[in-house]
Amino acid sequence: MKIPILKSLESQRQWLTFSAQETAYAYINSPLSLVDFQSSFLQITAIDKNLRDGRHATKFSIGSKKSSEAAWALIESCQWSLRKVLAGLHALDFSSNVRDNSALNVHSDLSVRQFFSKDKCVISPLLLQQLSPLSTAPKTWYLNDIKRLLSCDQYSDLKWLTKQSQFNTVHAVLLQLISYPEGWRIDRQKNYLVLSLKNTFILRFRPVIDQSSEAMALLQKI
């Protein structure tokens, strides 16, 4: 799944537009974060600019089991600013009962939790934005070229050459290439590229590069 990258969530209009999406799940550029509002709980993962493993990120869950009304009340109390929401969350003392904090007295059912994210695949969106579509095929293929192809869907006839669970999607392979670039190898087989890691073949695909590649948008919605 491609995760869209939004510039910000700093106004009522931006929040309502975001929540109206088929999947209210996106990276945010400022402040750097991953926002998930697919349920009655608003989940925010605070992201460092160089994050390559989501398990090192702090995650907050805000809301109520009954409805999303409690989460919306907190957002509105912070003047529809994600920056202010995150600043308030970072200021809370989670060693005590956070419900006693006056900053959260915006709704009777509001609860807040802080924990470490368990999703290894969450990385800094800044690392993804560095990948633009290829407009011409290089004479020599480098790892960054492969990352650009995979991130922009510039491939066809993909065939998996391994059954390893950590490589079960193109997105998973892309994140591995970004986070752990050591040990990868690229081979050419006629019109195909073969990607392997430490002598284990991972996948094979045909690169697809056409004149429209320049106009392709990379994981980004404005």
N, C-alpha and C. Protein backbone atom coordinates (compact mmCIF):
# COMPACT_ATOMS: atom_id res chain seq x y z
N MET A 1 0.83 -1.19 0.00
CA MET A 1 0.00 0.00 0.00
C MET A 1 0.87 1.25 0.00
N LYS A 2 0.59 2.16 -0.91
CA LYS A 2 1.27 3.44 -0.91
C LYS A 2 0.64 4.34 0.14
N ILE A 3 1.46 4.97 0.93
CA ILE A 3 0.96 5.86 1.97
C ILE A 3 1.12 7.30 1.48
N PRO A 4 0.02 8.05 1.37
CA PRO A 4 0.14 9.44 0.92
C PRO A 4 0.92 10.28 1.91
N ILE A 5 1.51 11.35 1.43
CA ILE A 5 2.25 12.28 2.27
C ILE A 5 1.58 13.65 2.17
N LEU A 6 1.05 14.13 3.27
CA LEU A 6 0.40 15.43 3.31
C LEU A 6 1.36 16.47 3.86
N LYS A 7 1.19 17.71 3.41
CA LYS A 7 2.06 18.78 3.90
C LYS A 7 1.83 19.05 5.38
N SER A 8 0.55 19.14 5.76
CA SER A 8 0.25 19.49 7.15
C SER A 8 -1.20 19.17 7.47
N LEU A 9 -1.54 19.22 8.75
CA LEU A 9 -2.92 19.15 9.24
C LEU A 9 -3.06 20.28 10.25
N GLU A 10 -3.25 21.49 9.75
CA GLU A 10 -3.24 22.67 10.61
C GLU A 10 -4.50 23.52 10.48
N SER A 11 -5.56 22.96 9.89
CA SER A 11 -6.80 23.71 9.76
C SER A 11 -7.98 22.75 9.78
N GLN A 12 -9.15 23.28 10.07
CA GLN A 12 -10.36 22.46 10.08
C GLN A 12 -10.60 21.83 8.72
N ARG A 13 -10.39 22.61 7.68
CA ARG A 13 -10.61 22.10 6.32
C ARG A 13 -9.69 20.92 6.02
N GLN A 14 -8.41 21.03 6.40
CA GLN A 14 -7.47 19.94 6.15
C GLN A 14 -7.87 18.68 6.91
N TRP A 15 -8.31 18.83 8.14
CA TRP A 15 -8.72 17.67 8.94
C TRP A 15 -9.95 17.00 8.34
N LEU A 16 -10.93 17.80 7.94
CA LEU A 16 -12.17 17.23 7.39
C LEU A 16 -11.90 16.55 6.05
N THR A 17 -11.03 17.15 5.24
CA THR A 17 -10.66 16.53 3.96
C THR A 17 -9.93 15.21 4.19
N PHE A 18 -9.01 15.21 5.14
CA PHE A 18 -8.26 13.99 5.47
C PHE A 18 -9.18 12.89 5.97
N SER A 19 -10.09 13.22 6.89
CA SER A 19 -10.97 12.20 7.48
C SER A 19 -11.98 11.67 6.48
N ALA A 20 -12.26 12.44 5.42
CA ALA A 20 -13.23 12.01 4.41
C ALA A 20 -12.62 11.07 3.37
N GLN A 21 -11.30 10.89 3.41
CA GLN A 21 -10.66 9.97 2.47
C GLN A 21 -11.11 8.54 2.73
N GLU A 22 -11.04 7.72 1.70
CA GLU A 22 -11.43 6.31 1.84
C GLU A 22 -10.61 5.64 2.94
N THR A 23 -9.34 6.00 3.02
CA THR A 23 -8.46 5.52 4.09
C THR A 23 -7.81 6.73 4.74
N ALA A 24 -8.24 7.06 5.94
CA ALA A 24 -7.70 8.22 6.66
C ALA A 24 -6.39 7.83 7.34
N TYR A 25 -5.36 7.70 6.53
CA TYR A 25 -4.06 7.19 6.98
C TYR A 25 -3.00 7.85 6.12
N ALA A 26 -2.10 8.65 6.72
CA ALA A 26 -1.13 9.37 5.90
C ALA A 26 0.07 9.82 6.72
N TYR A 27 1.19 9.96 6.02
CA TYR A 27 2.34 10.64 6.59
C TYR A 27 2.08 12.14 6.54
N ILE A 28 2.60 12.87 7.53
CA ILE A 28 2.49 14.32 7.55
C ILE A 28 3.91 14.89 7.56
N ASN A 29 4.15 15.86 6.68
CA ASN A 29 5.48 16.46 6.59
C ASN A 29 5.81 17.37 7.75
N SER A 30 4.82 18.12 8.21
CA SER A 30 5.08 19.09 9.28
C SER A 30 3.88 19.16 10.22
N PRO A 31 4.06 18.67 11.47
CA PRO A 31 5.25 18.02 12.00
C PRO A 31 5.37 16.59 11.47
N LEU A 32 6.59 16.07 11.39
CA LEU A 32 6.81 14.73 10.87
C LEU A 32 6.07 13.71 11.72
N SER A 33 5.14 12.99 11.09
CA SER A 33 4.32 12.05 11.84
C SER A 33 3.55 11.16 10.88
N LEU A 34 2.96 10.12 11.44
CA LEU A 34 2.04 9.24 10.72
C LEU A 34 0.71 9.31 11.46
N VAL A 35 -0.35 9.70 10.76
CA VAL A 35 -1.65 9.88 11.39
C VAL A 35 -2.63 8.84 10.86
N ASP A 36 -3.29 8.15 11.77
CA ASP A 36 -4.26 7.10 11.46
C ASP A 36 -5.57 7.44 12.15
N PHE A 37 -6.60 7.74 11.36
CA PHE A 37 -7.92 8.07 11.92
C PHE A 37 -8.98 7.19 11.26
N GLN A 38 -8.70 5.88 11.20
CA GLN A 38 -9.59 4.94 10.55
C GLN A 38 -10.62 4.34 11.50
N SER A 39 -10.55 4.73 12.76
CA SER A 39 -11.49 4.22 13.76
C SER A 39 -11.92 5.38 14.64
N SER A 40 -12.53 5.08 15.78
CA SER A 40 -12.92 6.15 16.70
C SER A 40 -11.72 6.71 17.44
N PHE A 41 -10.57 6.08 17.28
CA PHE A 41 -9.35 6.56 17.92
C PHE A 41 -8.44 7.24 16.90
N LEU A 42 -7.89 8.37 17.29
CA LEU A 42 -6.87 9.05 16.50
C LEU A 42 -5.51 8.54 16.96
N GLN A 43 -4.76 7.93 16.05
CA GLN A 43 -3.44 7.40 16.39
C GLN A 43 -2.37 8.20 15.66
N ILE A 44 -1.43 8.73 16.43
CA ILE A 44 -0.38 9.58 15.88
C ILE A 44 0.98 8.99 16.25
N THR A 45 1.81 8.73 15.24
CA THR A 45 3.17 8.27 15.47
C THR A 45 4.12 9.43 15.21
N ALA A 46 4.86 9.84 16.23
CA ALA A 46 5.84 10.92 16.09
C ALA A 46 7.09 10.36 15.42
N ILE A 47 7.56 11.01 14.37
CA ILE A 47 8.64 10.46 13.55
C ILE A 47 9.85 11.39 13.53
N ASP A 48 11.02 10.81 13.75
CA ASP A 48 12.28 11.53 13.58
C ASP A 48 12.62 11.60 12.10
N LYS A 49 13.31 12.64 11.67
CA LYS A 49 13.58 12.84 10.25
C LYS A 49 14.41 11.72 9.63
N ASN A 50 15.18 11.00 10.45
CA ASN A 50 16.02 9.91 9.93
C ASN A 50 15.50 8.53 10.33
N LEU A 51 14.25 8.45 10.77
CA LEU A 51 13.71 7.17 11.23
C LEU A 51 13.69 6.12 10.12
N ARG A 52 14.29 4.96 10.39
CA ARG A 52 14.31 3.85 9.44
C ARG A 52 13.66 2.59 10.00
N ASP A 53 13.25 2.62 11.23
CA ASP A 53 12.61 1.47 11.87
C ASP A 53 11.54 2.00 12.83
N GLY A 54 10.27 1.79 12.46
CA GLY A 54 9.16 2.35 13.22
C GLY A 54 9.08 1.91 14.66
N ARG A 55 9.76 0.83 15.02
CA ARG A 55 9.72 0.34 16.40
C ARG A 55 10.43 1.28 17.36
N HIS A 56 11.16 2.26 16.82
CA HIS A 56 11.84 3.24 17.66
C HIS A 56 11.01 4.50 17.85
N ALA A 57 9.83 4.54 17.26
CA ALA A 57 9.00 5.74 17.30
C ALA A 57 7.97 5.69 18.43
N THR A 58 7.63 6.86 18.95
CA THR A 58 6.60 6.97 19.98
C THR A 58 5.23 7.14 19.33
N LYS A 59 4.25 6.40 19.83
CA LYS A 59 2.91 6.44 19.26
C LYS A 59 1.90 6.82 20.33
N PHE A 60 0.91 7.62 19.93
CA PHE A 60 -0.16 8.04 20.83
C PHE A 60 -1.50 7.56 20.27
N SER A 61 -2.37 7.15 21.17
CA SER A 61 -3.73 6.77 20.81
C SER A 61 -4.69 7.64 21.62
N ILE A 62 -5.56 8.38 20.92
CA ILE A 62 -6.45 9.33 21.57
C ILE A 62 -7.88 9.07 21.11
N GLY A 63 -8.82 8.97 22.04
CA GLY A 63 -10.20 8.81 21.63
C GLY A 63 -11.05 8.06 22.61
N SER A 64 -12.10 7.42 22.07
CA SER A 64 -13.06 6.68 22.88
C SER A 64 -13.59 5.51 22.08
N LYS A 65 -13.93 4.43 22.77
CA LYS A 65 -14.50 3.26 22.09
C LYS A 65 -15.89 3.55 21.55
N LYS A 66 -16.58 4.53 22.14
CA LYS A 66 -17.97 4.80 21.77
C LYS A 66 -18.09 5.47 20.40
N SER A 67 -17.28 6.50 20.16
CA SER A 67 -17.35 7.24 18.90
C SER A 67 -16.09 8.08 18.74
N SER A 68 -15.96 8.70 17.56
CA SER A 68 -14.81 9.57 17.30
C SER A 68 -15.00 10.97 17.87
N GLU A 69 -16.13 11.21 18.53
CA GLU A 69 -16.45 12.54 19.04
C GLU A 69 -15.38 13.05 20.01
N ALA A 70 -14.87 12.16 20.86
CA ALA A 70 -13.86 12.57 21.85
C ALA A 70 -12.57 13.02 21.16
N ALA A 71 -12.14 12.29 20.14
CA ALA A 71 -10.92 12.67 19.41
C ALA A 71 -11.11 14.00 18.70
N TRP A 72 -12.28 14.17 18.09
CA TRP A 72 -12.56 15.44 17.41
C TRP A 72 -12.58 16.60 18.40
N ALA A 73 -13.08 16.36 19.60
CA ALA A 73 -13.13 17.42 20.62
C ALA A 73 -11.72 17.88 20.97
N LEU A 74 -10.78 16.93 21.08
CA LEU A 74 -9.40 17.30 21.39
C LEU A 74 -8.78 18.08 20.24
N ILE A 75 -9.01 17.62 19.01
CA ILE A 75 -8.47 18.33 17.84
C ILE A 75 -8.98 19.76 17.80
N GLU A 76 -10.28 19.93 18.02
CA GLU A 76 -10.87 21.28 17.99
C GLU A 76 -10.32 22.15 19.12
N SER A 77 -10.10 21.55 20.30
CA SER A 77 -9.56 22.31 21.43
C SER A 77 -8.14 22.79 21.16
N CYS A 78 -7.45 22.12 20.24
CA CYS A 78 -6.09 22.52 19.86
C CYS A 78 -6.10 23.37 18.59
N GLN A 79 -7.25 23.97 18.31
CA GLN A 79 -7.42 24.89 17.17
C GLN A 79 -7.10 24.21 15.84
N TRP A 80 -7.47 22.94 15.73
CA TRP A 80 -7.32 22.17 14.51
C TRP A 80 -5.86 22.09 14.05
N SER A 81 -4.95 22.10 15.00
CA SER A 81 -3.52 22.08 14.69
C SER A 81 -2.89 20.79 15.18
N LEU A 82 -2.40 19.97 14.25
CA LEU A 82 -1.70 18.74 14.63
C LEU A 82 -0.45 19.07 15.43
N ARG A 83 0.20 20.17 15.08
CA ARG A 83 1.40 20.58 15.80
C ARG A 83 1.07 20.80 17.28
N LYS A 84 -0.06 21.46 17.56
CA LYS A 84 -0.45 21.73 18.95
C LYS A 84 -0.90 20.45 19.65
N VAL A 85 -1.56 19.56 18.91
CA VAL A 85 -1.97 18.27 19.48
C VAL A 85 -0.74 17.50 19.94
N LEU A 86 0.26 17.40 19.07
CA LEU A 86 1.48 16.66 19.41
C LEU A 86 2.25 17.32 20.55
N ALA A 87 2.31 18.65 20.53
CA ALA A 87 3.02 19.36 21.60
C ALA A 87 2.36 19.08 22.94
N GLY A 88 1.02 19.06 22.96
CA GLY A 88 0.30 18.76 24.19
C GLY A 88 0.51 17.34 24.66
N LEU A 89 0.55 16.40 23.72
CA LEU A 89 0.77 15.00 24.07
C LEU A 89 2.17 14.78 24.64
N HIS A 90 3.17 15.41 24.02
CA HIS A 90 4.54 15.27 24.51
C HIS A 90 4.71 15.88 25.90
N ALA A 91 3.85 16.84 26.24
CA ALA A 91 3.97 17.52 27.54
C ALA A 91 3.30 16.74 28.67
N LEU A 92 2.50 15.73 28.34
CA LEU A 92 1.79 14.97 29.36
C LEU A 92 2.72 14.06 30.15
N ASP A 93 2.38 13.84 31.40
CA ASP A 93 3.12 12.92 32.26
C ASP A 93 2.40 11.57 32.24
N PHE A 94 2.93 10.63 31.47
CA PHE A 94 2.27 9.33 31.33
C PHE A 94 2.62 8.37 32.46
N SER A 95 3.40 8.84 33.42
CA SER A 95 3.69 8.01 34.59
C SER A 95 2.55 8.05 35.59
N SER A 96 1.61 8.99 35.39
CA SER A 96 0.45 9.10 36.27
C SER A 96 -0.81 8.93 35.44
N ASN A 97 -1.94 9.17 36.04
CA ASN A 97 -3.22 9.05 35.34
C ASN A 97 -3.41 10.27 34.46
N VAL A 98 -3.25 10.09 33.14
CA VAL A 98 -3.33 11.24 32.24
C VAL A 98 -4.73 11.82 32.18
N ARG A 99 -5.73 11.06 32.59
CA ARG A 99 -7.09 11.59 32.58
C ARG A 99 -7.25 12.71 33.61
N ASP A 100 -6.32 12.78 34.59
CA ASP A 100 -6.39 13.84 35.59
C ASP A 100 -5.84 15.16 35.05
N ASN A 101 -5.21 15.13 33.87
CA ASN A 101 -4.62 16.33 33.31
C ASN A 101 -5.71 17.24 32.78
N SER A 102 -5.70 18.51 33.19
CA SER A 102 -6.76 19.44 32.81
C SER A 102 -6.80 19.68 31.31
N ALA A 103 -5.66 19.48 30.63
CA ALA A 103 -5.62 19.71 29.18
C ALA A 103 -6.51 18.72 28.43
N LEU A 104 -6.87 17.62 29.09
CA LEU A 104 -7.68 16.59 28.42
C LEU A 104 -9.14 16.65 28.81
N ASN A 105 -9.52 17.63 29.59
CA ASN A 105 -10.91 17.73 30.03
C ASN A 105 -11.79 18.37 28.96
N VAL A 106 -11.70 17.84 27.76
CA VAL A 106 -12.50 18.37 26.66
C VAL A 106 -13.66 17.44 26.32
N HIS A 107 -13.62 16.22 26.87
CA HIS A 107 -14.68 15.25 26.62
C HIS A 107 -14.64 14.19 27.72
N SER A 108 -15.80 13.80 28.20
CA SER A 108 -15.86 12.88 29.34
C SER A 108 -15.32 11.49 29.03
N ASP A 109 -15.35 11.08 27.76
CA ASP A 109 -14.91 9.73 27.39
C ASP A 109 -13.50 9.69 26.81
N LEU A 110 -12.81 10.81 26.82
CA LEU A 110 -11.49 10.87 26.19
C LEU A 110 -10.44 10.09 26.99
N SER A 111 -9.72 9.22 26.31
CA SER A 111 -8.60 8.50 26.91
C SER A 111 -7.38 8.66 26.01
N VAL A 112 -6.20 8.64 26.63
CA VAL A 112 -4.95 8.83 25.89
C VAL A 112 -3.95 7.78 26.34
N ARG A 113 -3.27 7.16 25.38
CA ARG A 113 -2.21 6.20 25.70
C ARG A 113 -0.95 6.57 24.92
N GLN A 114 0.18 6.26 25.52
CA GLN A 114 1.48 6.44 24.86
C GLN A 114 2.21 5.11 24.88
N PHE A 115 2.80 4.73 23.74
CA PHE A 115 3.53 3.47 23.68
C PHE A 115 4.49 3.51 22.49
N PHE A 116 5.36 2.53 22.40
CA PHE A 116 6.25 2.45 21.24
C PHE A 116 5.52 1.74 20.11
N SER A 117 5.68 2.27 18.92
CA SER A 117 5.06 1.66 17.75
C SER A 117 5.63 0.25 17.54
N LYS A 118 4.79 -0.67 17.09
CA LYS A 118 5.23 -2.03 16.81
C LYS A 118 5.44 -2.26 15.32
N ASP A 119 5.22 -1.21 14.53
CA ASP A 119 5.29 -1.34 13.08
C ASP A 119 6.68 -0.99 12.56
N LYS A 120 7.45 -2.00 12.26
CA LYS A 120 8.81 -1.80 11.76
C LYS A 120 8.83 -1.04 10.44
N CYS A 121 7.76 -1.15 9.66
CA CYS A 121 7.73 -0.58 8.31
C CYS A 121 7.50 0.93 8.28
N VAL A 122 7.24 1.55 9.41
CA VAL A 122 7.08 3.01 9.45
C VAL A 122 8.46 3.65 9.37
N ILE A 123 8.66 4.53 8.39
CA ILE A 123 9.93 5.23 8.25
C ILE A 123 9.65 6.71 8.02
N SER A 124 10.70 7.51 8.05
CA SER A 124 10.53 8.94 7.82
C SER A 124 10.06 9.20 6.40
N PRO A 125 9.00 10.00 6.21
CA PRO A 125 8.55 10.31 4.85
C PRO A 125 9.60 11.08 4.05
N LEU A 126 10.54 11.72 4.74
CA LEU A 126 11.60 12.43 4.02
C LEU A 126 12.46 11.47 3.21
N LEU A 127 12.60 10.24 3.69
CA LEU A 127 13.37 9.24 2.95
C LEU A 127 12.63 8.79 1.71
N LEU A 128 11.30 8.81 1.76
CA LEU A 128 10.49 8.42 0.61
C LEU A 128 10.44 9.52 -0.44
N GLN A 129 10.42 10.77 0.00
CA GLN A 129 10.29 11.88 -0.93
C GLN A 129 11.53 12.08 -1.78
N GLN A 130 12.64 11.49 -1.39
CA GLN A 130 13.86 11.61 -2.17
C GLN A 130 13.81 10.74 -3.43
N LEU A 131 12.78 9.92 -3.56
CA LEU A 131 12.68 8.98 -4.67
C LEU A 131 11.73 9.51 -5.72
N SER A 132 12.26 9.91 -6.86
CA SER A 132 11.45 10.42 -7.96
C SER A 132 11.41 9.39 -9.09
N PRO A 133 10.42 9.47 -9.98
CA PRO A 133 10.34 8.49 -11.08
C PRO A 133 11.54 8.58 -12.02
N LEU A 134 11.90 7.46 -12.61
CA LEU A 134 12.95 7.44 -13.63
C LEU A 134 12.34 7.84 -14.97
N SER A 135 13.02 8.72 -15.70
CA SER A 135 12.53 9.12 -17.03
C SER A 135 13.30 8.42 -18.15
N THR A 136 14.49 7.92 -17.83
CA THR A 136 15.29 7.15 -18.79
C THR A 136 15.96 6.00 -18.06
N ALA A 137 16.22 4.93 -18.80
CA ALA A 137 16.88 3.78 -18.19
C ALA A 137 18.38 4.04 -18.09
N PRO A 138 18.99 3.83 -16.94
CA PRO A 138 20.43 4.05 -16.79
C PRO A 138 21.23 2.96 -17.49
N LYS A 139 22.46 3.29 -17.86
CA LYS A 139 23.34 2.28 -18.46
C LYS A 139 23.73 1.23 -17.43
N THR A 140 23.95 1.68 -16.21
CA THR A 140 24.26 0.78 -15.10
C THR A 140 23.22 0.98 -14.01
N TRP A 141 22.65 -0.11 -13.53
CA TRP A 141 21.60 -0.03 -12.52
C TRP A 141 22.21 -0.03 -11.11
N TYR A 142 21.80 0.98 -10.34
CA TYR A 142 22.23 1.07 -8.95
C TYR A 142 21.02 0.89 -8.03
N LEU A 143 21.29 0.69 -6.75
CA LEU A 143 20.22 0.41 -5.79
C LEU A 143 19.20 1.55 -5.75
N ASN A 144 19.66 2.79 -5.85
CA ASN A 144 18.72 3.91 -5.81
C ASN A 144 17.77 3.89 -7.01
N ASP A 145 18.25 3.40 -8.16
CA ASP A 145 17.38 3.26 -9.33
C ASP A 145 16.27 2.26 -9.05
N ILE A 146 16.62 1.16 -8.40
CA ILE A 146 15.62 0.14 -8.06
C ILE A 146 14.59 0.71 -7.09
N LYS A 147 15.05 1.47 -6.11
CA LYS A 147 14.12 2.08 -5.15
C LYS A 147 13.16 3.03 -5.86
N ARG A 148 13.66 3.78 -6.83
CA ARG A 148 12.81 4.71 -7.57
C ARG A 148 11.77 3.96 -8.40
N LEU A 149 12.19 2.87 -9.04
CA LEU A 149 11.24 2.06 -9.82
C LEU A 149 10.13 1.49 -8.96
N LEU A 150 10.51 0.90 -7.84
CA LEU A 150 9.53 0.25 -6.97
C LEU A 150 8.60 1.26 -6.31
N SER A 151 9.14 2.41 -5.91
CA SER A 151 8.32 3.40 -5.21
C SER A 151 7.31 4.07 -6.14
N CYS A 152 7.62 4.10 -7.44
CA CYS A 152 6.76 4.79 -8.41
C CYS A 152 6.00 3.82 -9.31
N ASP A 153 5.96 2.55 -8.95
CA ASP A 153 5.22 1.54 -9.73
C ASP A 153 5.72 1.44 -11.17
N GLN A 154 7.00 1.60 -11.38
CA GLN A 154 7.56 1.53 -12.73
C GLN A 154 8.09 0.13 -13.01
N TYR A 155 7.20 -0.84 -12.95
CA TYR A 155 7.60 -2.22 -13.18
C TYR A 155 6.39 -3.03 -13.65
N SER A 156 6.68 -4.16 -14.27
CA SER A 156 5.64 -5.11 -14.68
C SER A 156 6.20 -6.52 -14.61
N ASP A 157 5.35 -7.50 -14.81
CA ASP A 157 5.76 -8.91 -14.83
C ASP A 157 6.59 -9.28 -13.61
N LEU A 158 6.17 -8.82 -12.46
CA LEU A 158 6.93 -9.10 -11.24
C LEU A 158 6.73 -10.55 -10.81
N LYS A 159 7.82 -11.20 -10.45
CA LYS A 159 7.77 -12.58 -9.98
C LYS A 159 8.58 -12.71 -8.69
N TRP A 160 7.96 -13.28 -7.68
CA TRP A 160 8.66 -13.49 -6.41
C TRP A 160 9.52 -14.74 -6.50
N LEU A 161 10.75 -14.62 -6.01
CA LEU A 161 11.71 -15.72 -6.06
C LEU A 161 12.04 -16.26 -4.68
N THR A 162 11.33 -15.77 -3.67
CA THR A 162 11.55 -16.22 -2.29
C THR A 162 10.21 -16.33 -1.58
N LYS A 163 10.18 -17.16 -0.55
CA LYS A 163 8.99 -17.29 0.28
C LYS A 163 9.20 -16.69 1.67
N GLN A 164 10.28 -15.93 1.83
CA GLN A 164 10.55 -15.30 3.12
C GLN A 164 9.45 -14.29 3.45
N SER A 165 8.91 -14.38 4.65
CA SER A 165 7.75 -13.58 5.04
C SER A 165 8.03 -12.08 5.05
N GLN A 166 9.28 -11.69 5.30
CA GLN A 166 9.58 -10.25 5.36
C GLN A 166 9.61 -9.60 3.99
N PHE A 167 9.54 -10.43 2.93
CA PHE A 167 9.52 -9.91 1.57
C PHE A 167 8.25 -10.36 0.86
N ASN A 168 7.11 -10.06 1.45
CA ASN A 168 5.85 -10.53 0.87
C ASN A 168 5.12 -9.46 0.07
N THR A 169 5.64 -8.22 0.07
CA THR A 169 5.05 -7.14 -0.73
C THR A 169 6.16 -6.27 -1.30
N VAL A 170 5.84 -5.55 -2.36
CA VAL A 170 6.82 -4.61 -2.93
C VAL A 170 7.16 -3.52 -1.93
N HIS A 171 6.15 -3.08 -1.18
CA HIS A 171 6.38 -2.04 -0.17
C HIS A 171 7.37 -2.52 0.88
N ALA A 172 7.26 -3.78 1.28
CA ALA A 172 8.17 -4.33 2.28
C ALA A 172 9.60 -4.37 1.74
N VAL A 173 9.75 -4.75 0.47
CA VAL A 173 11.08 -4.77 -0.15
C VAL A 173 11.66 -3.36 -0.22
N LEU A 174 10.82 -2.40 -0.61
CA LEU A 174 11.27 -1.01 -0.71
C LEU A 174 11.77 -0.50 0.64
N LEU A 175 11.04 -0.79 1.69
CA LEU A 175 11.45 -0.34 3.02
C LEU A 175 12.75 -1.00 3.45
N GLN A 176 12.93 -2.27 3.10
CA GLN A 176 14.19 -2.95 3.41
C GLN A 176 15.35 -2.31 2.65
N LEU A 177 15.11 -1.95 1.39
CA LEU A 177 16.15 -1.31 0.59
C LEU A 177 16.56 0.04 1.18
N ILE A 178 15.58 0.78 1.70
CA ILE A 178 15.86 2.09 2.28
C ILE A 178 16.54 1.95 3.64
N SER A 179 16.02 1.05 4.46
CA SER A 179 16.51 0.95 5.84
C SER A 179 17.79 0.13 5.98
N TYR A 180 17.91 -0.91 5.16
CA TYR A 180 19.08 -1.81 5.27
C TYR A 180 19.65 -2.06 3.87
N PRO A 181 20.41 -1.11 3.31
CA PRO A 181 20.88 -1.22 1.92
C PRO A 181 22.06 -2.16 1.71
N GLU A 182 22.66 -2.65 2.79
CA GLU A 182 23.83 -3.51 2.64
C GLU A 182 23.44 -4.91 2.16
N GLY A 183 24.28 -5.48 1.30
CA GLY A 183 24.11 -6.88 0.90
C GLY A 183 23.22 -7.13 -0.30
N TRP A 184 22.65 -6.07 -0.90
CA TRP A 184 21.77 -6.25 -2.06
C TRP A 184 22.58 -6.31 -3.36
N ARG A 185 22.03 -7.03 -4.33
CA ARG A 185 22.69 -7.16 -5.63
C ARG A 185 21.64 -7.07 -6.74
N ILE A 186 22.05 -6.45 -7.85
CA ILE A 186 21.17 -6.30 -9.01
C ILE A 186 21.79 -7.03 -10.20
N ASP A 187 21.03 -7.91 -10.83
CA ASP A 187 21.48 -8.61 -12.04
C ASP A 187 20.49 -8.37 -13.16
N ARG A 188 20.99 -8.40 -14.39
CA ARG A 188 20.12 -8.23 -15.57
C ARG A 188 19.95 -9.57 -16.27
N GLN A 189 18.71 -9.88 -16.64
CA GLN A 189 18.39 -11.06 -17.44
C GLN A 189 17.55 -10.60 -18.63
N LYS A 190 18.21 -10.29 -19.73
CA LYS A 190 17.55 -9.73 -20.91
C LYS A 190 16.81 -8.44 -20.52
N ASN A 191 15.49 -8.44 -20.58
CA ASN A 191 14.72 -7.23 -20.27
C ASN A 191 14.28 -7.16 -18.81
N TYR A 192 14.81 -8.04 -17.99
CA TYR A 192 14.39 -8.11 -16.59
C TYR A 192 15.53 -7.70 -15.66
N LEU A 193 15.15 -7.27 -14.48
CA LEU A 193 16.09 -7.02 -13.39
C LEU A 193 15.81 -8.01 -12.28
N VAL A 194 16.86 -8.58 -11.72
CA VAL A 194 16.73 -9.56 -10.63
C VAL A 194 17.39 -8.97 -9.39
N LEU A 195 16.64 -8.98 -8.31
CA LEU A 195 17.12 -8.42 -7.05
C LEU A 195 17.38 -9.54 -6.07
N SER A 196 18.58 -9.54 -5.48
CA SER A 196 18.92 -10.58 -4.51
C SER A 196 19.56 -9.95 -3.28
N LEU A 197 19.48 -10.67 -2.18
CA LEU A 197 20.05 -10.22 -0.91
C LEU A 197 20.89 -11.34 -0.32
N LYS A 198 22.19 -11.09 -0.21
CA LYS A 198 23.11 -12.06 0.38
C LYS A 198 22.94 -13.44 -0.25
N ASN A 199 23.00 -13.47 -1.59
CA ASN A 199 22.94 -14.70 -2.38
C ASN A 199 21.57 -15.37 -2.38
N THR A 200 20.55 -14.69 -1.89
CA THR A 200 19.18 -15.21 -1.96
C THR A 200 18.38 -14.36 -2.93
N PHE A 201 17.84 -14.98 -3.98
CA PHE A 201 17.04 -14.25 -4.95
C PHE A 201 15.71 -13.83 -4.31
N ILE A 202 15.36 -12.55 -4.49
CA ILE A 202 14.14 -12.01 -3.87
C ILE A 202 13.02 -11.84 -4.88
N LEU A 203 13.29 -11.11 -5.97
CA LEU A 203 12.25 -10.91 -6.98
C LEU A 203 12.87 -10.56 -8.32
N ARG A 204 12.02 -10.70 -9.35
CA ARG A 204 12.41 -10.35 -10.71
C ARG A 204 11.29 -9.52 -11.32
N PHE A 205 11.65 -8.49 -12.08
CA PHE A 205 10.62 -7.68 -12.71
C PHE A 205 11.18 -6.98 -13.95
N ARG A 206 10.26 -6.51 -14.77
CA ARG A 206 10.63 -5.76 -15.97
C ARG A 206 10.44 -4.26 -15.68
N PRO A 207 11.50 -3.45 -15.81
CA PRO A 207 11.33 -2.01 -15.59
C PRO A 207 10.46 -1.39 -16.68
N VAL A 208 9.58 -0.49 -16.29
CA VAL A 208 8.68 0.19 -17.24
C VAL A 208 8.94 1.69 -17.12
N ILE A 209 9.57 2.24 -18.15
CA ILE A 209 9.89 3.67 -18.16
C ILE A 209 9.36 4.27 -19.46
N ASP A 210 8.45 5.24 -19.35
CA ASP A 210 7.90 5.88 -20.54
C ASP A 210 7.94 7.39 -20.39
N GLN A 211 7.42 8.09 -21.38
CA GLN A 211 7.51 9.55 -21.41
C GLN A 211 6.65 10.21 -20.33
N SER A 212 5.69 9.48 -19.81
CA SER A 212 4.81 10.07 -18.79
C SER A 212 5.39 9.97 -17.39
N SER A 213 6.56 9.35 -17.27
CA SER A 213 7.13 9.13 -15.95
C SER A 213 7.41 10.43 -15.20
N GLU A 214 7.76 11.48 -15.93
CA GLU A 214 8.08 12.75 -15.28
C GLU A 214 6.88 13.29 -14.52
N ALA A 215 5.66 12.94 -15.00
CA ALA A 215 4.45 13.50 -14.39
C ALA A 215 3.91 12.67 -13.24
N MET A 216 4.55 11.56 -12.97
CA MET A 216 4.05 10.70 -11.89
C MET A 216 4.27 11.34 -10.54
N ALA A 217 3.28 11.24 -9.67
CA ALA A 217 3.41 11.80 -8.31
C ALA A 217 3.89 10.70 -7.38
N LEU A 218 4.84 11.04 -6.51
CA LEU A 218 5.42 10.06 -5.60
C LEU A 218 4.77 10.14 -4.23
N LEU A 219 3.86 9.20 -3.94
CA LEU A 219 3.31 9.04 -2.60
C LEU A 219 2.91 10.37 -1.96
N GLN A 220 2.42 11.30 -2.76
CA GLN A 220 2.21 12.62 -2.19
C GLN A 220 0.88 13.20 -2.61
N LYS A 221 0.14 13.70 -1.66
CA LYS A 221 -1.08 14.45 -1.90
C LYS A 221 -0.93 15.80 -1.22
N ILE A 222 -1.38 16.83 -1.88
CA ILE A 222 -1.25 18.18 -1.32
C ILE A 222 -2.64 18.70 -0.96
